[in-house]
Amino acid sequence: MQQKYCHHIKTISKIKTATEHICEECIKLGDDWVHLRTCQECGVTLCCDDSKNKHATAHFHATKHPVISSAEPNEKWFWCYLDNAFATY
């Protein structure tokens, strides 16, 4: 995937990481998830768009927090919903 300039990603000075490797919203529903993403504004970790409930994207729509990172081991990337931008770190 091609990296694209994004003001929102460029302003991240400290990367928020998952404190627990669960999607709390899926747990409440009794559902499973595929992968996890961490919001770089508030630090919440939720399920990805390959998961049934797409909680990370729902969080963006509810809060307008633009940047997530992968919470998966050995994955070091950001995604900005507003700019459709991807960047590795």
PDB file of N, CA and C in Angstrom:
ATOM      1  N   MET A   1       0.845  -1.175   0.000  1.00  0.00           N
ATOM      2  CA  MET A   1       0.000   0.000   0.000  1.00  0.00           C
ATOM      3  C   MET A   1       0.894   1.243   0.000  1.00  0.00           C
ATOM      4  N   GLN A   2       0.554   2.194  -0.794  1.00  0.00           N
ATOM      5  CA  GLN A   2       1.362   3.398  -0.926  1.00  0.00           C
ATOM      6  C   GLN A   2       1.146   4.336   0.257  1.00  0.00           C
ATOM      7  N   GLN A   3       2.256   4.892   0.775  1.00  0.00           N
ATOM      8  CA  GLN A   3       2.157   5.861   1.847  1.00  0.00           C
ATOM      9  C   GLN A   3       1.813   7.220   1.263  1.00  0.00           C
ATOM     10  N   LYS A   4       0.991   7.961   1.963  1.00  0.00           N
ATOM     11  CA  LYS A   4       0.506   9.247   1.507  1.00  0.00           C
ATOM     12  C   LYS A   4       0.678  10.230   2.663  1.00  0.00           C
ATOM     13  N   TYR A   5       1.029  11.484   2.355  1.00  0.00           N
ATOM     14  CA  TYR A   5       1.180  12.478   3.405  1.00  0.00           C
ATOM     15  C   TYR A   5      -0.154  12.680   4.122  1.00  0.00           C
ATOM     16  N   CYS A   6      -0.098  12.759   5.435  1.00  0.00           N
ATOM     17  CA  CYS A   6      -1.289  12.985   6.237  1.00  0.00           C
ATOM     18  C   CYS A   6      -0.908  13.809   7.457  1.00  0.00           C
ATOM     19  N   HIS A   7      -1.498  14.961   7.581  1.00  0.00           N
ATOM     20  CA  HIS A   7      -1.245  15.846   8.724  1.00  0.00           C
ATOM     21  C   HIS A   7      -1.585  15.147  10.048  1.00  0.00           C
ATOM     22  N   HIS A   8      -2.666  14.382  10.070  1.00  0.00           N
ATOM     23  CA  HIS A   8      -3.103  13.730  11.302  1.00  0.00           C
ATOM     24  C   HIS A   8      -2.072  12.712  11.791  1.00  0.00           C
ATOM     25  N   ILE A   9      -1.521  11.935  10.871  1.00  0.00           N
ATOM     26  CA  ILE A   9      -0.496  10.948  11.242  1.00  0.00           C
ATOM     27  C   ILE A   9       0.795  11.655  11.641  1.00  0.00           C
ATOM     28  N   LYS A  10       1.176  12.691  10.908  1.00  0.00           N
ATOM     29  CA  LYS A  10       2.429  13.412  11.186  1.00  0.00           C
ATOM     30  C   LYS A  10       2.452  14.033  12.575  1.00  0.00           C
ATOM     31  N   THR A  11       1.290  14.343  13.147  1.00  0.00           N
ATOM     32  CA  THR A  11       1.259  15.003  14.453  1.00  0.00           C
ATOM     33  C   THR A  11       1.340  14.028  15.630  1.00  0.00           C
ATOM     34  N   ILE A  12       1.352  12.732  15.370  1.00  0.00           N
ATOM     35  CA  ILE A  12       1.445  11.752  16.464  1.00  0.00           C
ATOM     36  C   ILE A  12       2.866  11.754  17.003  1.00  0.00           C
ATOM     37  N   SER A  13       2.989  12.088  18.282  1.00  0.00           N
ATOM     38  CA  SER A  13       4.321  12.129  18.890  1.00  0.00           C
ATOM     39  C   SER A  13       4.573  10.930  19.799  1.00  0.00           C
ATOM     40  N   LYS A  14       3.517  10.343  20.354  1.00  0.00           N
ATOM     41  CA  LYS A  14       3.656   9.149  21.188  1.00  0.00           C
ATOM     42  C   LYS A  14       2.586   8.146  20.758  1.00  0.00           C
ATOM     43  N   ILE A  15       3.034   6.977  20.357  1.00  0.00           N
ATOM     44  CA  ILE A  15       2.122   5.953  19.852  1.00  0.00           C
ATOM     45  C   ILE A  15       1.399   5.282  21.014  1.00  0.00           C
ATOM     46  N   LYS A  16       0.072   5.273  20.935  1.00  0.00           N
ATOM     47  CA  LYS A  16      -0.743   4.581  21.930  1.00  0.00           C
ATOM     48  C   LYS A  16      -0.802   3.109  21.534  1.00  0.00           C
ATOM     49  N   THR A  17      -0.609   2.235  22.502  1.00  0.00           N
ATOM     50  CA  THR A  17      -0.640   0.797  22.250  1.00  0.00           C
ATOM     51  C   THR A  17      -1.755   0.149  23.068  1.00  0.00           C
ATOM     52  N   ALA A  18      -2.161  -1.024  22.660  1.00  0.00           N
ATOM     53  CA  ALA A  18      -3.230  -1.747  23.344  1.00  0.00           C
ATOM     54  C   ALA A  18      -2.777  -2.151  24.744  1.00  0.00           C
ATOM     55  N   THR A  19      -3.621  -1.900  25.732  1.00  0.00           N
ATOM     56  CA  THR A  19      -3.325  -2.357  27.088  1.00  0.00           C
ATOM     57  C   THR A  19      -3.808  -3.790  27.270  1.00  0.00           C
ATOM     58  N   GLU A  20      -4.896  -4.140  26.596  1.00  0.00           N
ATOM     59  CA  GLU A  20      -5.396  -5.508  26.567  1.00  0.00           C
ATOM     60  C   GLU A  20      -5.659  -5.853  25.106  1.00  0.00           C
ATOM     61  N   HIS A  21      -5.468  -7.084  24.750  1.00  0.00           N
ATOM     62  CA  HIS A  21      -5.680  -7.481  23.350  1.00  0.00           C
ATOM     63  C   HIS A  21      -7.058  -8.111  23.187  1.00  0.00           C
ATOM     64  N   ILE A  22      -8.059  -7.258  23.443  1.00  0.00           N
ATOM     65  CA  ILE A  22      -9.459  -7.649  23.291  1.00  0.00           C
ATOM     66  C   ILE A  22     -10.231  -6.472  22.714  1.00  0.00           C
ATOM     67  N   CYS A  23     -11.359  -6.765  22.097  1.00  0.00           N
ATOM     68  CA  CYS A  23     -12.315  -5.729  21.714  1.00  0.00           C
ATOM     69  C   CYS A  23     -13.417  -5.767  22.771  1.00  0.00           C
ATOM     70  N   GLU A  24     -13.426  -4.772  23.642  1.00  0.00           N
ATOM     71  CA  GLU A  24     -14.409  -4.742  24.729  1.00  0.00           C
ATOM     72  C   GLU A  24     -15.841  -4.744  24.210  1.00  0.00           C
ATOM     73  N   GLU A  25     -16.072  -4.096  23.073  1.00  0.00           N
ATOM     74  CA  GLU A  25     -17.419  -4.048  22.512  1.00  0.00           C
ATOM     75  C   GLU A  25     -17.859  -5.432  22.019  1.00  0.00           C
ATOM     76  N   CYS A  26     -16.957  -6.188  21.408  1.00  0.00           N
ATOM     77  CA  CYS A  26     -17.284  -7.557  20.984  1.00  0.00           C
ATOM     78  C   CYS A  26     -17.528  -8.453  22.196  1.00  0.00           C
ATOM     79  N   ILE A  27     -16.723  -8.268  23.240  1.00  0.00           N
ATOM     80  CA  ILE A  27     -16.901  -9.061  24.469  1.00  0.00           C
ATOM     81  C   ILE A  27     -18.313  -8.845  25.011  1.00  0.00           C
ATOM     82  N   LYS A  28     -18.777  -7.587  25.053  1.00  0.00           N
ATOM     83  CA  LYS A  28     -20.120  -7.275  25.557  1.00  0.00           C
ATOM     84  C   LYS A  28     -21.201  -7.997  24.750  1.00  0.00           C
ATOM     85  N   LEU A  29     -20.948  -8.178  23.449  1.00  0.00           N
ATOM     86  CA  LEU A  29     -21.922  -8.822  22.565  1.00  0.00           C
ATOM     87  C   LEU A  29     -21.759 -10.344  22.500  1.00  0.00           C
ATOM     88  N   GLY A  30     -20.667 -10.842  23.078  1.00  0.00           N
ATOM     89  CA  GLY A  30     -20.387 -12.275  22.994  1.00  0.00           C
ATOM     90  C   GLY A  30     -19.864 -12.690  21.637  1.00  0.00           C
ATOM     91  N   ASP A  31     -19.292 -11.730  20.896  1.00  0.00           N
ATOM     92  CA  ASP A  31     -18.769 -11.992  19.553  1.00  0.00           C
ATOM     93  C   ASP A  31     -17.248 -12.097  19.555  1.00  0.00           C
ATOM     94  N   ASP A  32     -16.722 -12.625  18.457  1.00  0.00           N
ATOM     95  CA  ASP A  32     -15.279 -12.712  18.237  1.00  0.00           C
ATOM     96  C   ASP A  32     -14.849 -11.602  17.291  1.00  0.00           C
ATOM     97  N   TRP A  33     -13.544 -11.427  17.150  1.00  0.00           N
ATOM     98  CA  TRP A  33     -12.988 -10.435  16.226  1.00  0.00           C
ATOM     99  C   TRP A  33     -11.843 -11.067  15.464  1.00  0.00           C
ATOM    100  N   VAL A  34     -11.433 -10.407  14.378  1.00  0.00           N
ATOM    101  CA  VAL A  34     -10.344 -10.903  13.537  1.00  0.00           C
ATOM    102  C   VAL A  34      -9.021 -10.259  13.957  1.00  0.00           C
ATOM    103  N   HIS A  35      -8.958  -8.922  13.895  1.00  0.00           N
ATOM    104  CA  HIS A  35      -7.758  -8.169  14.275  1.00  0.00           C
ATOM    105  C   HIS A  35      -8.185  -6.963  15.097  1.00  0.00           C
ATOM    106  N   LEU A  36      -7.217  -6.363  15.778  1.00  0.00           N
ATOM    107  CA  LEU A  36      -7.502  -5.217  16.640  1.00  0.00           C
ATOM    108  C   LEU A  36      -6.774  -3.971  16.164  1.00  0.00           C
ATOM    109  N   ARG A  37      -7.394  -2.824  16.406  1.00  0.00           N
ATOM    110  CA  ARG A  37      -6.846  -1.513  16.052  1.00  0.00           C
ATOM    111  C   ARG A  37      -6.938  -0.602  17.273  1.00  0.00           C
ATOM    112  N   THR A  38      -5.938   0.273  17.451  1.00  0.00           N
ATOM    113  CA  THR A  38      -5.920   1.186  18.591  1.00  0.00           C
ATOM    114  C   THR A  38      -6.065   2.627  18.114  1.00  0.00           C
ATOM    115  N   CYS A  39      -7.024   3.333  18.687  1.00  0.00           N
ATOM    116  CA  CYS A  39      -7.253   4.738  18.362  1.00  0.00           C
ATOM    117  C   CYS A  39      -6.079   5.552  18.904  1.00  0.00           C
ATOM    118  N   GLN A  40      -5.504   6.382  18.060  1.00  0.00           N
ATOM    119  CA  GLN A  40      -4.341   7.165  18.468  1.00  0.00           C
ATOM    120  C   GLN A  40      -4.729   8.463  19.172  1.00  0.00           C
ATOM    121  N   GLU A  41      -6.002   8.735  19.291  1.00  0.00           N
ATOM    122  CA  GLU A  41      -6.437   9.906  20.050  1.00  0.00           C
ATOM    123  C   GLU A  41      -6.766   9.533  21.491  1.00  0.00           C
ATOM    124  N   CYS A  42      -7.571   8.489  21.688  1.00  0.00           N
ATOM    125  CA  CYS A  42      -8.012   8.151  23.051  1.00  0.00           C
ATOM    126  C   CYS A  42      -7.447   6.834  23.579  1.00  0.00           C
ATOM    127  N   GLY A  43      -6.866   6.003  22.702  1.00  0.00           N
ATOM    128  CA  GLY A  43      -6.224   4.773  23.145  1.00  0.00           C
ATOM    129  C   GLY A  43      -7.108   3.543  23.223  1.00  0.00           C
ATOM    130  N   VAL A  44      -8.388   3.656  22.885  1.00  0.00           N
ATOM    131  CA  VAL A  44      -9.269   2.500  22.919  1.00  0.00           C
ATOM    132  C   VAL A  44      -8.854   1.511  21.826  1.00  0.00           C
ATOM    133  N   THR A  45      -8.943   0.220  22.132  1.00  0.00           N
ATOM    134  CA  THR A  45      -8.617  -0.826  21.162  1.00  0.00           C
ATOM    135  C   THR A  45      -9.890  -1.575  20.810  1.00  0.00           C
ATOM    136  N   LEU A  46     -10.170  -1.639  19.497  1.00  0.00           N
ATOM    137  CA  LEU A  46     -11.409  -2.224  18.999  1.00  0.00           C
ATOM    138  C   LEU A  46     -11.132  -3.072  17.759  1.00  0.00           C
ATOM    139  N   CYS A  47     -12.153  -3.794  17.302  1.00  0.00           N
ATOM    140  CA  CYS A  47     -11.978  -4.725  16.185  1.00  0.00           C
ATOM    141  C   CYS A  47     -11.942  -4.015  14.832  1.00  0.00           C
ATOM    142  N   CYS A  48     -11.289  -4.673  13.880  1.00  0.00           N
ATOM    143  CA  CYS A  48     -11.059  -4.135  12.536  1.00  0.00           C
ATOM    144  C   CYS A  48     -12.254  -4.351  11.611  1.00  0.00           C
ATOM    145  N   ASP A  49     -12.135  -3.873  10.387  1.00  0.00           N
ATOM    146  CA  ASP A  49     -13.219  -4.004   9.411  1.00  0.00           C
ATOM    147  C   ASP A  49     -13.381  -5.421   8.868  1.00  0.00           C
ATOM    148  N   ASP A  50     -12.411  -6.295   9.083  1.00  0.00           N
ATOM    149  CA  ASP A  50     -12.592  -7.698   8.710  1.00  0.00           C
ATOM    150  C   ASP A  50     -13.427  -8.438   9.749  1.00  0.00           C
ATOM    151  N   SER A  51     -13.632  -7.813  10.894  1.00  0.00           N
ATOM    152  CA  SER A  51     -14.454  -8.385  11.961  1.00  0.00           C
ATOM    153  C   SER A  51     -15.923  -8.064  11.710  1.00  0.00           C
ATOM    154  N   LYS A  52     -16.785  -8.886  12.225  1.00  0.00           N
ATOM    155  CA  LYS A  52     -18.231  -8.761  12.018  1.00  0.00           C
ATOM    156  C   LYS A  52     -18.763  -7.374  12.399  1.00  0.00           C
ATOM    157  N   ASN A  53     -18.308  -6.824  13.522  1.00  0.00           N
ATOM    158  CA  ASN A  53     -18.904  -5.601  14.064  1.00  0.00           C
ATOM    159  C   ASN A  53     -18.206  -4.299  13.675  1.00  0.00           C
ATOM    160  N   LYS A  54     -16.987  -4.377  13.178  1.00  0.00           N
ATOM    161  CA  LYS A  54     -16.247  -3.191  12.703  1.00  0.00           C
ATOM    162  C   LYS A  54     -16.265  -2.050  13.726  1.00  0.00           C
ATOM    163  N   HIS A  55     -15.937  -2.386  14.977  1.00  0.00           N
ATOM    164  CA  HIS A  55     -16.026  -1.397  16.051  1.00  0.00           C
ATOM    165  C   HIS A  55     -15.035  -0.244  15.919  1.00  0.00           C
ATOM    166  N   ALA A  56     -13.846  -0.470  15.364  1.00  0.00           N
ATOM    167  CA  ALA A  56     -12.883   0.631  15.214  1.00  0.00           C
ATOM    168  C   ALA A  56     -13.433   1.697  14.272  1.00  0.00           C
ATOM    169  N   THR A  57     -14.013   1.286  13.160  1.00  0.00           N
ATOM    170  CA  THR A  57     -14.599   2.240  12.227  1.00  0.00           C
ATOM    171  C   THR A  57     -15.821   2.920  12.840  1.00  0.00           C
ATOM    172  N   ALA A  58     -16.631   2.180  13.569  1.00  0.00           N
ATOM    173  CA  ALA A  58     -17.787   2.770  14.249  1.00  0.00           C
ATOM    174  C   ALA A  58     -17.324   3.831  15.256  1.00  0.00           C
ATOM    175  N   HIS A  59     -16.201   3.570  15.927  1.00  0.00           N
ATOM    176  CA  HIS A  59     -15.628   4.530  16.874  1.00  0.00           C
ATOM    177  C   HIS A  59     -15.235   5.814  16.143  1.00  0.00           C
ATOM    178  N   PHE A  60     -14.613   5.678  14.983  1.00  0.00           N
ATOM    179  CA  PHE A  60     -14.271   6.860  14.191  1.00  0.00           C
ATOM    180  C   PHE A  60     -15.522   7.668  13.850  1.00  0.00           C
ATOM    181  N   HIS A  61     -16.563   7.015  13.369  1.00  0.00           N
ATOM    182  CA  HIS A  61     -17.783   7.728  12.980  1.00  0.00           C
ATOM    183  C   HIS A  61     -18.434   8.423  14.181  1.00  0.00           C
ATOM    184  N   ALA A  62     -18.338   7.813  15.357  1.00  0.00           N
ATOM    185  CA  ALA A  62     -18.955   8.397  16.549  1.00  0.00           C
ATOM    186  C   ALA A  62     -18.122   9.534  17.145  1.00  0.00           C
ATOM    187  N   THR A  63     -16.794   9.448  17.037  1.00  0.00           N
ATOM    188  CA  THR A  63     -15.914  10.393  17.735  1.00  0.00           C
ATOM    189  C   THR A  63     -15.158  11.339  16.812  1.00  0.00           C
ATOM    190  N   LYS A  64     -15.000  10.939  15.556  1.00  0.00           N
ATOM    191  CA  LYS A  64     -14.163  11.655  14.575  1.00  0.00           C
ATOM    192  C   LYS A  64     -12.681  11.610  14.944  1.00  0.00           C
ATOM    193  N   HIS A  65     -12.254  10.652  15.760  1.00  0.00           N
ATOM    194  CA  HIS A  65     -10.834  10.428  16.015  1.00  0.00           C
ATOM    195  C   HIS A  65     -10.252   9.801  14.755  1.00  0.00           C
ATOM    196  N   PRO A  66      -9.340  10.483  14.046  1.00  0.00           N
ATOM    197  CA  PRO A  66      -8.998  10.084  12.683  1.00  0.00           C
ATOM    198  C   PRO A  66      -8.014   8.926  12.510  1.00  0.00           C
ATOM    199  N   VAL A  67      -7.108   8.696  13.471  1.00  0.00           N
ATOM    200  CA  VAL A  67      -6.004   7.758  13.205  1.00  0.00           C
ATOM    201  C   VAL A  67      -6.067   6.541  14.131  1.00  0.00           C
ATOM    202  N   ILE A  68      -5.919   5.380  13.504  1.00  0.00           N
ATOM    203  CA  ILE A  68      -5.775   4.128  14.244  1.00  0.00           C
ATOM    204  C   ILE A  68      -4.420   3.522  13.919  1.00  0.00           C
ATOM    205  N   SER A  69      -3.981   2.615  14.780  1.00  0.00           N
ATOM    206  CA  SER A  69      -2.794   1.813  14.485  1.00  0.00           C
ATOM    207  C   SER A  69      -3.168   0.352  14.663  1.00  0.00           C
ATOM    208  N   SER A  70      -2.392  -0.517  14.066  1.00  0.00           N
ATOM    209  CA  SER A  70      -2.602  -1.940  14.275  1.00  0.00           C
ATOM    210  C   SER A  70      -2.202  -2.288  15.704  1.00  0.00           C
ATOM    211  N   ALA A  71      -2.997  -3.114  16.334  1.00  0.00           N
ATOM    212  CA  ALA A  71      -2.665  -3.618  17.667  1.00  0.00           C
ATOM    213  C   ALA A  71      -2.138  -5.050  17.585  1.00  0.00           C
ATOM    214  N   GLU A  72      -1.852  -5.490  16.355  1.00  0.00           N
ATOM    215  CA  GLU A  72      -1.360  -6.848  16.151  1.00  0.00           C
ATOM    216  C   GLU A  72       0.161  -6.900  16.330  1.00  0.00           C
ATOM    217  N   PRO A  73       0.667  -7.998  16.890  1.00  0.00           N
ATOM    218  CA  PRO A  73       2.122  -8.139  17.077  1.00  0.00           C
ATOM    219  C   PRO A  73       2.865  -8.003  15.746  1.00  0.00           C
ATOM    220  N   ASN A  74       3.963  -7.306  15.776  1.00  0.00           N
ATOM    221  CA  ASN A  74       4.856  -7.115  14.621  1.00  0.00           C
ATOM    222  C   ASN A  74       4.257  -6.311  13.478  1.00  0.00           C
ATOM    223  N   GLU A  75       3.138  -5.657  13.690  1.00  0.00           N
ATOM    224  CA  GLU A  75       2.571  -4.752  12.687  1.00  0.00           C
ATOM    225  C   GLU A  75       2.744  -3.337  13.198  1.00  0.00           C
ATOM    226  N   LYS A  76       3.390  -2.492  12.402  1.00  0.00           N
ATOM    227  CA  LYS A  76       3.674  -1.125  12.820  1.00  0.00           C
ATOM    228  C   LYS A  76       3.193  -0.165  11.740  1.00  0.00           C
ATOM    229  N   TRP A  77       1.893   0.128  11.780  1.00  0.00           N
ATOM    230  CA  TRP A  77       1.328   1.027  10.796  1.00  0.00           C
ATOM    231  C   TRP A  77       0.173   1.834  11.369  1.00  0.00           C
ATOM    232  N   PHE A  78      -0.101   2.953  10.696  1.00  0.00           N
ATOM    233  CA  PHE A  78      -1.228   3.833  11.005  1.00  0.00           C
ATOM    234  C   PHE A  78      -2.165   3.877   9.807  1.00  0.00           C
ATOM    235  N   TRP A  79      -3.427   4.163  10.081  1.00  0.00           N
ATOM    236  CA  TRP A  79      -4.410   4.447   9.044  1.00  0.00           C
ATOM    237  C   TRP A  79      -5.187   5.683   9.477  1.00  0.00           C
ATOM    238  N   CYS A  80      -5.342   6.644   8.559  1.00  0.00           N
ATOM    239  CA  CYS A  80      -6.141   7.836   8.821  1.00  0.00           C
ATOM    240  C   CYS A  80      -7.435   7.725   8.030  1.00  0.00           C
ATOM    241  N   TYR A  81      -8.543   7.680   8.745  1.00  0.00           N
ATOM    242  CA  TYR A  81      -9.849   7.598   8.100  1.00  0.00           C
ATOM    243  C   TYR A  81     -10.154   8.848   7.276  1.00  0.00           C
ATOM    244  N   LEU A  82      -9.781  10.028   7.777  1.00  0.00           N
ATOM    245  CA  LEU A  82     -10.119  11.273   7.083  1.00  0.00           C
ATOM    246  C   LEU A  82      -9.392  11.420   5.749  1.00  0.00           C
ATOM    247  N   ASP A  83      -8.109  11.058   5.719  1.00  0.00           N
ATOM    248  CA  ASP A  83      -7.306  11.230   4.511  1.00  0.00           C
ATOM    249  C   ASP A  83      -7.120   9.947   3.710  1.00  0.00           C
ATOM    250  N   ASN A  84      -7.696   8.838   4.177  1.00  0.00           N
ATOM    251  CA  ASN A  84      -7.467   7.534   3.540  1.00  0.00           C
ATOM    252  C   ASN A  84      -5.979   7.316   3.342  1.00  0.00           C
ATOM    253  N   ALA A  85      -5.221   7.588   4.399  1.00  0.00           N
ATOM    254  CA  ALA A  85      -3.758   7.526   4.327  1.00  0.00           C
ATOM    255  C   ALA A  85      -3.215   6.415   5.217  1.00  0.00           C
ATOM    256  N   PHE A  86      -2.217   5.746   4.704  1.00  0.00           N
ATOM    257  CA  PHE A  86      -1.515   4.655   5.377  1.00  0.00           C
ATOM    258  C   PHE A  86      -0.063   5.053   5.572  1.00  0.00           C
ATOM    259  N   ALA A  87       0.500   4.733   6.748  1.00  0.00           N
ATOM    260  CA  ALA A  87       1.925   4.993   6.977  1.00  0.00           C
ATOM    261  C   ALA A  87       2.471   3.956   7.930  1.00  0.00           C
ATOM    262  N   THR A  88       3.690   3.548   7.708  1.00  0.00           N
ATOM    263  CA  THR A  88       4.369   2.633   8.622  1.00  0.00           C
ATOM    264  C   THR A  88       5.244   3.441   9.562  1.00  0.00           C
ATOM    265  N   TYR A  89       5.616   2.818  10.677  1.00  0.00           N
ATOM    266  CA  TYR A  89       6.538   3.462  11.621  1.00  0.00           C
ATOM    267  C   TYR A  89       7.549   2.467  12.109  1.00  0.00           C
TER     268      TYR A  89
END
